[in-house]
Amino acid sequence: MQDDDLGAKHQKFILRVSSAQTILIAHNIELAPRINSISNGDRVQFYGEYEWNGKGGIVHWTHRDPNGHHIGGWLKHEGRIYQER
């Protein structure tokens, strides 16, 4: 897991969705809270915009869009929903 401080700040982590596929989650921590307690092996549910790439894909917009151009997404970890500040 790492944070991206270029432009809007994002918490980034990779989720394994099957034995052969992973996806990158890019969660904007300027618009939604950061998941501080995430560890390898944790289960995370998510809703956001998926964009395919050769490495498995990336999920963006895991928070509400303040401009209303995207459907609001979220992350759920250990029963808590991370959606907006």
PDB file of N, CA and C in Angstrom:
ATOM      1  N   MET A   1       0.854  -1.171   0.000  1.00  0.00           N
ATOM      2  CA  MET A   1       0.000   0.000   0.000  1.00  0.00           C
ATOM      3  C   MET A   1       0.892   1.222   0.000  1.00  0.00           C
ATOM      4  N   GLN A   2       0.500   2.237  -0.763  1.00  0.00           N
ATOM      5  CA  GLN A   2       1.247   3.484  -0.767  1.00  0.00           C
ATOM      6  C   GLN A   2       0.304   4.635  -1.054  1.00  0.00           C
ATOM      7  N   ASP A   3       0.750   5.825  -0.676  1.00  0.00           N
ATOM      8  CA  ASP A   3       0.000   7.036  -0.991  1.00  0.00           C
ATOM      9  C   ASP A   3       0.671   7.729  -2.160  1.00  0.00           C
ATOM     10  N   ASP A   4      -0.131   8.340  -3.020  1.00  0.00           N
ATOM     11  CA  ASP A   4       0.340   9.099  -4.161  1.00  0.00           C
ATOM     12  C   ASP A   4       0.092  10.559  -3.839  1.00  0.00           C
ATOM     13  N   ASP A   5       1.156  11.338  -3.727  1.00  0.00           N
ATOM     14  CA  ASP A   5       1.027  12.747  -3.358  1.00  0.00           C
ATOM     15  C   ASP A   5       1.104  13.694  -4.545  1.00  0.00           C
ATOM     16  N   LEU A   6       1.168  13.174  -5.771  1.00  0.00           N
ATOM     17  CA  LEU A   6       1.196  14.023  -6.951  1.00  0.00           C
ATOM     18  C   LEU A   6      -0.236  14.365  -7.352  1.00  0.00           C
ATOM     19  N   GLY A   7      -0.543  15.652  -7.477  1.00  0.00           N
ATOM     20  CA  GLY A   7      -1.919  16.059  -7.764  1.00  0.00           C
ATOM     21  C   GLY A   7      -2.784  15.798  -6.551  1.00  0.00           C
ATOM     22  N   ALA A   8      -4.010  15.309  -6.774  1.00  0.00           N
ATOM     23  CA  ALA A   8      -4.884  14.936  -5.661  1.00  0.00           C
ATOM     24  C   ALA A   8      -4.277  13.722  -4.964  1.00  0.00           C
ATOM     25  N   LYS A   9      -4.289  13.721  -3.645  1.00  0.00           N
ATOM     26  CA  LYS A   9      -3.678  12.632  -2.885  1.00  0.00           C
ATOM     27  C   LYS A   9      -4.553  11.382  -2.945  1.00  0.00           C
ATOM     28  N   HIS A  10      -3.914  10.257  -3.238  1.00  0.00           N
ATOM     29  CA  HIS A  10      -4.611   8.972  -3.336  1.00  0.00           C
ATOM     30  C   HIS A  10      -3.915   7.917  -2.491  1.00  0.00           C
ATOM     31  N   GLN A  11      -4.714   7.096  -1.844  1.00  0.00           N
ATOM     32  CA  GLN A  11      -4.217   5.878  -1.216  1.00  0.00           C
ATOM     33  C   GLN A  11      -4.328   4.798  -2.280  1.00  0.00           C
ATOM     34  N   LYS A  12      -3.249   4.095  -2.543  1.00  0.00           N
ATOM     35  CA  LYS A  12      -3.260   3.067  -3.573  1.00  0.00           C
ATOM     36  C   LYS A  12      -2.904   1.724  -2.960  1.00  0.00           C
ATOM     37  N   PHE A  13      -3.660   0.705  -3.337  1.00  0.00           N
ATOM     38  CA  PHE A  13      -3.339  -0.650  -2.930  1.00  0.00           C
ATOM     39  C   PHE A  13      -3.871  -1.627  -3.960  1.00  0.00           C
ATOM     40  N   ILE A  14      -3.285  -2.801  -3.974  1.00  0.00           N
ATOM     41  CA  ILE A  14      -3.643  -3.827  -4.948  1.00  0.00           C
ATOM     42  C   ILE A  14      -4.497  -4.878  -4.263  1.00  0.00           C
ATOM     43  N   LEU A  15      -5.620  -5.219  -4.898  1.00  0.00           N
ATOM     44  CA  LEU A  15      -6.498  -6.285  -4.417  1.00  0.00           C
ATOM     45  C   LEU A  15      -6.399  -7.483  -5.343  1.00  0.00           C
ATOM     46  N   ARG A  16      -6.308  -8.653  -4.768  1.00  0.00           N
ATOM     47  CA  ARG A  16      -6.353  -9.887  -5.556  1.00  0.00           C
ATOM     48  C   ARG A  16      -7.822 -10.281  -5.653  1.00  0.00           C
ATOM     49  N   VAL A  17      -8.341 -10.363  -6.880  1.00  0.00           N
ATOM     50  CA  VAL A  17      -9.752 -10.705  -7.081  1.00  0.00           C
ATOM     51  C   VAL A  17      -9.942 -12.146  -7.523  1.00  0.00           C
ATOM     52  N   SER A  18      -8.872 -12.796  -7.903  1.00  0.00           N
ATOM     53  CA  SER A  18      -8.881 -14.227  -8.214  1.00  0.00           C
ATOM     54  C   SER A  18      -7.439 -14.696  -8.119  1.00  0.00           C
ATOM     55  N   SER A  19      -7.217 -15.982  -8.327  1.00  0.00           N
ATOM     56  CA  SER A  19      -5.846 -16.488  -8.228  1.00  0.00           C
ATOM     57  C   SER A  19      -4.942 -15.900  -9.307  1.00  0.00           C
ATOM     58  N   ALA A  20      -5.538 -15.404 -10.379  1.00  0.00           N
ATOM     59  CA  ALA A  20      -4.737 -14.910 -11.503  1.00  0.00           C
ATOM     60  C   ALA A  20      -4.902 -13.416 -11.781  1.00  0.00           C
ATOM     61  N   GLN A  21      -5.771 -12.719 -11.065  1.00  0.00           N
ATOM     62  CA  GLN A  21      -6.013 -11.323 -11.400  1.00  0.00           C
ATOM     63  C   GLN A  21      -5.950 -10.435 -10.172  1.00  0.00           C
ATOM     64  N   THR A  22      -5.346  -9.269 -10.376  1.00  0.00           N
ATOM     65  CA  THR A  22      -5.325  -8.221  -9.353  1.00  0.00           C
ATOM     66  C   THR A  22      -5.840  -6.933  -9.982  1.00  0.00           C
ATOM     67  N   ILE A  23      -6.277  -6.026  -9.129  1.00  0.00           N
ATOM     68  CA  ILE A  23      -6.648  -4.689  -9.583  1.00  0.00           C
ATOM     69  C   ILE A  23      -6.068  -3.668  -8.611  1.00  0.00           C
ATOM     70  N   LEU A  24      -5.777  -2.505  -9.130  1.00  0.00           N
ATOM     71  CA  LEU A  24      -5.274  -1.407  -8.321  1.00  0.00           C
ATOM     72  C   LEU A  24      -6.453  -0.541  -7.892  1.00  0.00           C
ATOM     73  N   ILE A  25      -6.531  -0.241  -6.609  1.00  0.00           N
ATOM     74  CA  ILE A  25      -7.523   0.701  -6.107  1.00  0.00           C
ATOM     75  C   ILE A  25      -6.820   2.039  -5.912  1.00  0.00           C
ATOM     76  N   ALA A  26      -7.355   3.113  -6.485  1.00  0.00           N
ATOM     77  CA  ALA A  26      -6.826   4.469  -6.316  1.00  0.00           C
ATOM     78  C   ALA A  26      -7.913   5.285  -5.625  1.00  0.00           C
ATOM     79  N   HIS A  27      -7.773   5.454  -4.316  1.00  0.00           N
ATOM     80  CA  HIS A  27      -8.800   6.054  -3.450  1.00  0.00           C
ATOM     81  C   HIS A  27      -8.378   7.472  -3.064  1.00  0.00           C
ATOM     82  N   ASN A  28      -9.143   8.469  -3.507  1.00  0.00           N
ATOM     83  CA  ASN A  28      -8.808   9.873  -3.267  1.00  0.00           C
ATOM     84  C   ASN A  28      -8.992  10.216  -1.789  1.00  0.00           C
ATOM     85  N   ILE A  29      -7.881  10.455  -1.094  1.00  0.00           N
ATOM     86  CA  ILE A  29      -7.944  10.736   0.342  1.00  0.00           C
ATOM     87  C   ILE A  29      -8.084  12.226   0.645  1.00  0.00           C
ATOM     88  N   GLU A  30      -8.272  13.034  -0.390  1.00  0.00           N
ATOM     89  CA  GLU A  30      -8.663  14.423  -0.164  1.00  0.00           C
ATOM     90  C   GLU A  30     -10.186  14.522  -0.073  1.00  0.00           C
ATOM     91  N   LEU A  31     -10.889  13.538  -0.664  1.00  0.00           N
ATOM     92  CA  LEU A  31     -12.350  13.552  -0.678  1.00  0.00           C
ATOM     93  C   LEU A  31     -12.973  12.518   0.251  1.00  0.00           C
ATOM     94  N   ALA A  32     -12.208  11.511   0.636  1.00  0.00           N
ATOM     95  CA  ALA A  32     -12.725  10.442   1.502  1.00  0.00           C
ATOM     96  C   ALA A  32     -11.631  10.023   2.481  1.00  0.00           C
ATOM     97  N   PRO A  33     -12.009   9.458   3.626  1.00  0.00           N
ATOM     98  CA  PRO A  33     -10.998   9.055   4.604  1.00  0.00           C
ATOM     99  C   PRO A  33     -10.100   7.932   4.098  1.00  0.00           C
ATOM    100  N   ARG A  34      -8.881   7.961   4.560  1.00  0.00           N
ATOM    101  CA  ARG A  34      -7.891   6.920   4.279  1.00  0.00           C
ATOM    102  C   ARG A  34      -8.193   5.705   5.157  1.00  0.00           C
ATOM    103  N   ILE A  35      -7.978   4.498   4.629  1.00  0.00           N
ATOM    104  CA  ILE A  35      -8.084   3.289   5.434  1.00  0.00           C
ATOM    105  C   ILE A  35      -6.726   3.085   6.104  1.00  0.00           C
ATOM    106  N   ASN A  36      -6.647   3.352   7.391  1.00  0.00           N
ATOM    107  CA  ASN A  36      -5.365   3.264   8.092  1.00  0.00           C
ATOM    108  C   ASN A  36      -5.015   1.859   8.535  1.00  0.00           C
ATOM    109  N   SER A  37      -5.995   1.008   8.735  1.00  0.00           N
ATOM    110  CA  SER A  37      -5.745  -0.298   9.346  1.00  0.00           C
ATOM    111  C   SER A  37      -5.734  -1.449   8.353  1.00  0.00           C
ATOM    112  N   ILE A  38      -5.561  -1.193   7.074  1.00  0.00           N
ATOM    113  CA  ILE A  38      -5.614  -2.262   6.077  1.00  0.00           C
ATOM    114  C   ILE A  38      -4.310  -3.058   6.080  1.00  0.00           C
ATOM    115  N   SER A  39      -4.444  -4.385   5.962  1.00  0.00           N
ATOM    116  CA  SER A  39      -3.289  -5.279   5.977  1.00  0.00           C
ATOM    117  C   SER A  39      -3.435  -6.349   4.903  1.00  0.00           C
ATOM    118  N   ASN A  40      -2.329  -6.983   4.554  1.00  0.00           N
ATOM    119  CA  ASN A  40      -2.384  -8.108   3.608  1.00  0.00           C
ATOM    120  C   ASN A  40      -3.370  -9.151   4.113  1.00  0.00           C
ATOM    121  N   GLY A  41      -4.197  -9.656   3.209  1.00  0.00           N
ATOM    122  CA  GLY A  41      -5.178 -10.678   3.553  1.00  0.00           C
ATOM    123  C   GLY A  41      -6.531 -10.135   3.952  1.00  0.00           C
ATOM    124  N   ASP A  42      -6.652  -8.823   4.182  1.00  0.00           N
ATOM    125  CA  ASP A  42      -7.944  -8.227   4.533  1.00  0.00           C
ATOM    126  C   ASP A  42      -8.890  -8.282   3.343  1.00  0.00           C
ATOM    127  N   ARG A  43     -10.171  -8.371   3.647  1.00  0.00           N
ATOM    128  CA  ARG A  43     -11.200  -8.297   2.607  1.00  0.00           C
ATOM    129  C   ARG A  43     -11.675  -6.852   2.501  1.00  0.00           C
ATOM    130  N   VAL A  44     -11.816  -6.385   1.265  1.00  0.00           N
ATOM    131  CA  VAL A  44     -12.281  -5.026   0.988  1.00  0.00           C
ATOM    132  C   VAL A  44     -13.359  -5.121  -0.071  1.00  0.00           C
ATOM    133  N   GLN A  45     -14.509  -4.523   0.199  1.00  0.00           N
ATOM    134  CA  GLN A  45     -15.551  -4.397  -0.820  1.00  0.00           C
ATOM    135  C   GLN A  45     -15.403  -3.008  -1.417  1.00  0.00           C
ATOM    136  N   PHE A  46     -15.821  -2.867  -2.657  1.00  0.00           N
ATOM    137  CA  PHE A  46     -15.655  -1.561  -3.303  1.00  0.00           C
ATOM    138  C   PHE A  46     -16.711  -1.351  -4.370  1.00  0.00           C
ATOM    139  N   TYR A  47     -16.909  -0.084  -4.675  1.00  0.00           N
ATOM    140  CA  TYR A  47     -17.751   0.326  -5.788  1.00  0.00           C
ATOM    141  C   TYR A  47     -17.093   1.564  -6.371  1.00  0.00           C
ATOM    142  N   GLY A  48     -16.829   1.556  -7.660  1.00  0.00           N
ATOM    143  CA  GLY A  48     -16.189   2.684  -8.317  1.00  0.00           C
ATOM    144  C   GLY A  48     -16.147   2.435  -9.811  1.00  0.00           C
ATOM    145  N   GLU A  49     -15.380   3.245 -10.518  1.00  0.00           N
ATOM    146  CA  GLU A  49     -15.246   3.096 -11.965  1.00  0.00           C
ATOM    147  C   GLU A  49     -14.018   2.246 -12.276  1.00  0.00           C
ATOM    148  N   TYR A  50     -14.257   1.125 -12.963  1.00  0.00           N
ATOM    149  CA  TYR A  50     -13.187   0.203 -13.344  1.00  0.00           C
ATOM    150  C   TYR A  50     -12.663   0.572 -14.724  1.00  0.00           C
ATOM    151  N   GLU A  51     -11.342   0.601 -14.846  1.00  0.00           N
ATOM    152  CA  GLU A  51     -10.699   0.869 -16.133  1.00  0.00           C
ATOM    153  C   GLU A  51      -9.686  -0.244 -16.377  1.00  0.00           C
ATOM    154  N   TRP A  52      -9.872  -1.005 -17.444  1.00  0.00           N
ATOM    155  CA  TRP A  52      -8.996  -2.123 -17.747  1.00  0.00           C
ATOM    156  C   TRP A  52      -7.625  -1.636 -18.175  1.00  0.00           C
ATOM    157  N   ASN A  53      -6.592  -2.390 -17.796  1.00  0.00           N
ATOM    158  CA  ASN A  53      -5.262  -2.218 -18.363  1.00  0.00           C
ATOM    159  C   ASN A  53      -4.587  -3.589 -18.365  1.00  0.00           C
ATOM    160  N   GLY A  54      -3.419  -3.694 -18.934  1.00  0.00           N
ATOM    161  CA  GLY A  54      -2.728  -4.957 -19.076  1.00  0.00           C
ATOM    162  C   GLY A  54      -2.303  -5.601 -17.765  1.00  0.00           C
ATOM    163  N   LYS A  55      -2.333  -4.848 -16.685  1.00  0.00           N
ATOM    164  CA  LYS A  55      -1.960  -5.388 -15.380  1.00  0.00           C
ATOM    165  C   LYS A  55      -3.165  -5.853 -14.575  1.00  0.00           C
ATOM    166  N   GLY A  56      -4.357  -5.733 -15.131  1.00  0.00           N
ATOM    167  CA  GLY A  56      -5.566  -6.183 -14.437  1.00  0.00           C
ATOM    168  C   GLY A  56      -6.598  -5.098 -14.300  1.00  0.00           C
ATOM    169  N   GLY A  57      -6.174  -3.848 -14.230  1.00  0.00           N
ATOM    170  CA  GLY A  57      -7.108  -2.744 -14.181  1.00  0.00           C
ATOM    171  C   GLY A  57      -6.942  -1.890 -12.944  1.00  0.00           C
ATOM    172  N   ILE A  58      -7.675  -0.798 -12.952  1.00  0.00           N
ATOM    173  CA  ILE A  58      -7.653   0.167 -11.854  1.00  0.00           C
ATOM    174  C   ILE A  58      -9.080   0.600 -11.552  1.00  0.00           C
ATOM    175  N   VAL A  59      -9.378   0.815 -10.291  1.00  0.00           N
ATOM    176  CA  VAL A  59     -10.679   1.322  -9.880  1.00  0.00           C
ATOM    177  C   VAL A  59     -10.483   2.729  -9.309  1.00  0.00           C
ATOM    178  N   HIS A  60     -11.164   3.690  -9.922  1.00  0.00           N
ATOM    179  CA  HIS A  60     -11.168   5.092  -9.496  1.00  0.00           C
ATOM    180  C   HIS A  60     -12.546   5.432  -8.928  1.00  0.00           C
ATOM    181  N   TRP A  61     -12.695   6.628  -8.443  1.00  0.00           N
ATOM    182  CA  TRP A  61     -13.976   7.182  -7.992  1.00  0.00           C
ATOM    183  C   TRP A  61     -14.614   6.314  -6.905  1.00  0.00           C
ATOM    184  N   THR A  62     -13.809   5.961  -5.910  1.00  0.00           N
ATOM    185  CA  THR A  62     -14.295   5.202  -4.754  1.00  0.00           C
ATOM    186  C   THR A  62     -14.739   6.164  -3.656  1.00  0.00           C
ATOM    187  N   HIS A  63     -15.396   7.236  -4.068  1.00  0.00           N
ATOM    188  CA  HIS A  63     -15.876   8.303  -3.185  1.00  0.00           C
ATOM    189  C   HIS A  63     -16.943   9.076  -3.954  1.00  0.00           C
ATOM    190  N   ARG A  64     -17.572   9.998  -3.317  1.00  0.00           N
ATOM    191  CA  ARG A  64     -18.551  10.844  -4.016  1.00  0.00           C
ATOM    192  C   ARG A  64     -17.825  11.856  -4.891  1.00  0.00           C
ATOM    193  N   ASP A  65     -18.421  12.171  -6.021  1.00  0.00           N
ATOM    194  CA  ASP A  65     -17.872  13.190  -6.917  1.00  0.00           C
ATOM    195  C   ASP A  65     -18.480  14.531  -6.534  1.00  0.00           C
ATOM    196  N   PRO A  66     -17.680  15.475  -6.041  1.00  0.00           N
ATOM    197  CA  PRO A  66     -18.245  16.770  -5.637  1.00  0.00           C
ATOM    198  C   PRO A  66     -18.866  17.555  -6.788  1.00  0.00           C
ATOM    199  N   ASN A  67     -18.483  17.217  -8.035  1.00  0.00           N
ATOM    200  CA  ASN A  67     -19.039  17.911  -9.198  1.00  0.00           C
ATOM    201  C   ASN A  67     -20.216  17.181  -9.821  1.00  0.00           C
ATOM    202  N   GLY A  68     -20.526  15.983  -9.346  1.00  0.00           N
ATOM    203  CA  GLY A  68     -21.673  15.238  -9.842  1.00  0.00           C
ATOM    204  C   GLY A  68     -21.524  14.641 -11.224  1.00  0.00           C
ATOM    205  N   HIS A  69     -20.290  14.489 -11.726  1.00  0.00           N
ATOM    206  CA  HIS A  69     -20.077  13.926 -13.060  1.00  0.00           C
ATOM    207  C   HIS A  69     -19.954  12.405 -13.044  1.00  0.00           C
ATOM    208  N   HIS A  70     -19.656  11.838 -11.878  1.00  0.00           N
ATOM    209  CA  HIS A  70     -19.479  10.389 -11.738  1.00  0.00           C
ATOM    210  C   HIS A  70     -20.411   9.876 -10.649  1.00  0.00           C
ATOM    211  N   ILE A  71     -20.855   8.656 -10.793  1.00  0.00           N
ATOM    212  CA  ILE A  71     -21.644   8.032  -9.741  1.00  0.00           C
ATOM    213  C   ILE A  71     -20.734   7.837  -8.537  1.00  0.00           C
ATOM    214  N   GLY A  72     -21.228   8.168  -7.361  1.00  0.00           N
ATOM    215  CA  GLY A  72     -20.421   8.056  -6.148  1.00  0.00           C
ATOM    216  C   GLY A  72     -20.083   6.616  -5.821  1.00  0.00           C
ATOM    217  N   GLY A  73     -18.838   6.379  -5.478  1.00  0.00           N
ATOM    218  CA  GLY A  73     -18.391   5.058  -5.097  1.00  0.00           C
ATOM    219  C   GLY A  73     -18.035   5.004  -3.618  1.00  0.00           C
ATOM    220  N   TRP A  74     -17.459   3.876  -3.198  1.00  0.00           N
ATOM    221  CA  TRP A  74     -17.104   3.690  -1.799  1.00  0.00           C
ATOM    222  C   TRP A  74     -16.168   2.504  -1.641  1.00  0.00           C
ATOM    223  N   LEU A  75     -15.506   2.451  -0.501  1.00  0.00           N
ATOM    224  CA  LEU A  75     -14.759   1.283  -0.051  1.00  0.00           C
ATOM    225  C   LEU A  75     -15.368   0.841   1.265  1.00  0.00           C
ATOM    226  N   LYS A  76     -15.359  -0.461   1.537  1.00  0.00           N
ATOM    227  CA  LYS A  76     -15.845  -0.975   2.812  1.00  0.00           C
ATOM    228  C   LYS A  76     -14.788  -1.922   3.372  1.00  0.00           C
ATOM    229  N   HIS A  77     -14.356  -1.627   4.586  1.00  0.00           N
ATOM    230  CA  HIS A  77     -13.325  -2.425   5.249  1.00  0.00           C
ATOM    231  C   HIS A  77     -13.700  -2.571   6.716  1.00  0.00           C
ATOM    232  N   GLU A  78     -13.761  -3.816   7.178  1.00  0.00           N
ATOM    233  CA  GLU A  78     -14.102  -4.124   8.568  1.00  0.00           C
ATOM    234  C   GLU A  78     -15.390  -3.424   9.024  1.00  0.00           C
ATOM    235  N   GLY A  79     -16.399  -3.426   8.137  1.00  0.00           N
ATOM    236  CA  GLY A  79     -17.709  -2.883   8.463  1.00  0.00           C
ATOM    237  C   GLY A  79     -17.845  -1.376   8.322  1.00  0.00           C
ATOM    238  N   ARG A  80     -16.757  -0.666   8.060  1.00  0.00           N
ATOM    239  CA  ARG A  80     -16.815   0.790   7.907  1.00  0.00           C
ATOM    240  C   ARG A  80     -16.782   1.148   6.428  1.00  0.00           C
ATOM    241  N   ILE A  81     -17.628   2.108   6.036  1.00  0.00           N
ATOM    242  CA  ILE A  81     -17.668   2.571   4.658  1.00  0.00           C
ATOM    243  C   ILE A  81     -16.858   3.863   4.559  1.00  0.00           C
ATOM    244  N   TYR A  82     -15.952   3.894   3.603  1.00  0.00           N
ATOM    245  CA  TYR A  82     -15.098   5.047   3.341  1.00  0.00           C
ATOM    246  C   TYR A  82     -15.589   5.698   2.041  1.00  0.00           C
ATOM    247  N   GLN A  83     -16.302   6.814   2.185  1.00  0.00           N
ATOM    248  CA  GLN A  83     -16.958   7.401   1.020  1.00  0.00           C
ATOM    249  C   GLN A  83     -16.739   8.910   0.909  1.00  0.00           C
ATOM    250  N   GLU A  84     -16.843   9.605   2.012  1.00  0.00           N
ATOM    251  CA  GLU A  84     -16.663  11.062   1.953  1.00  0.00           C
ATOM    252  C   GLU A  84     -16.203  11.580   3.292  1.00  0.00           C
ATOM    253  N   ARG A  85     -15.639  12.738   3.298  1.00  0.00           N
ATOM    254  CA  ARG A  85     -15.195  13.410   4.531  1.00  0.00           C
ATOM    255  C   ARG A  85     -16.359  14.140   5.134  1.00  0.00           C
TER     256      ARG A  85
END
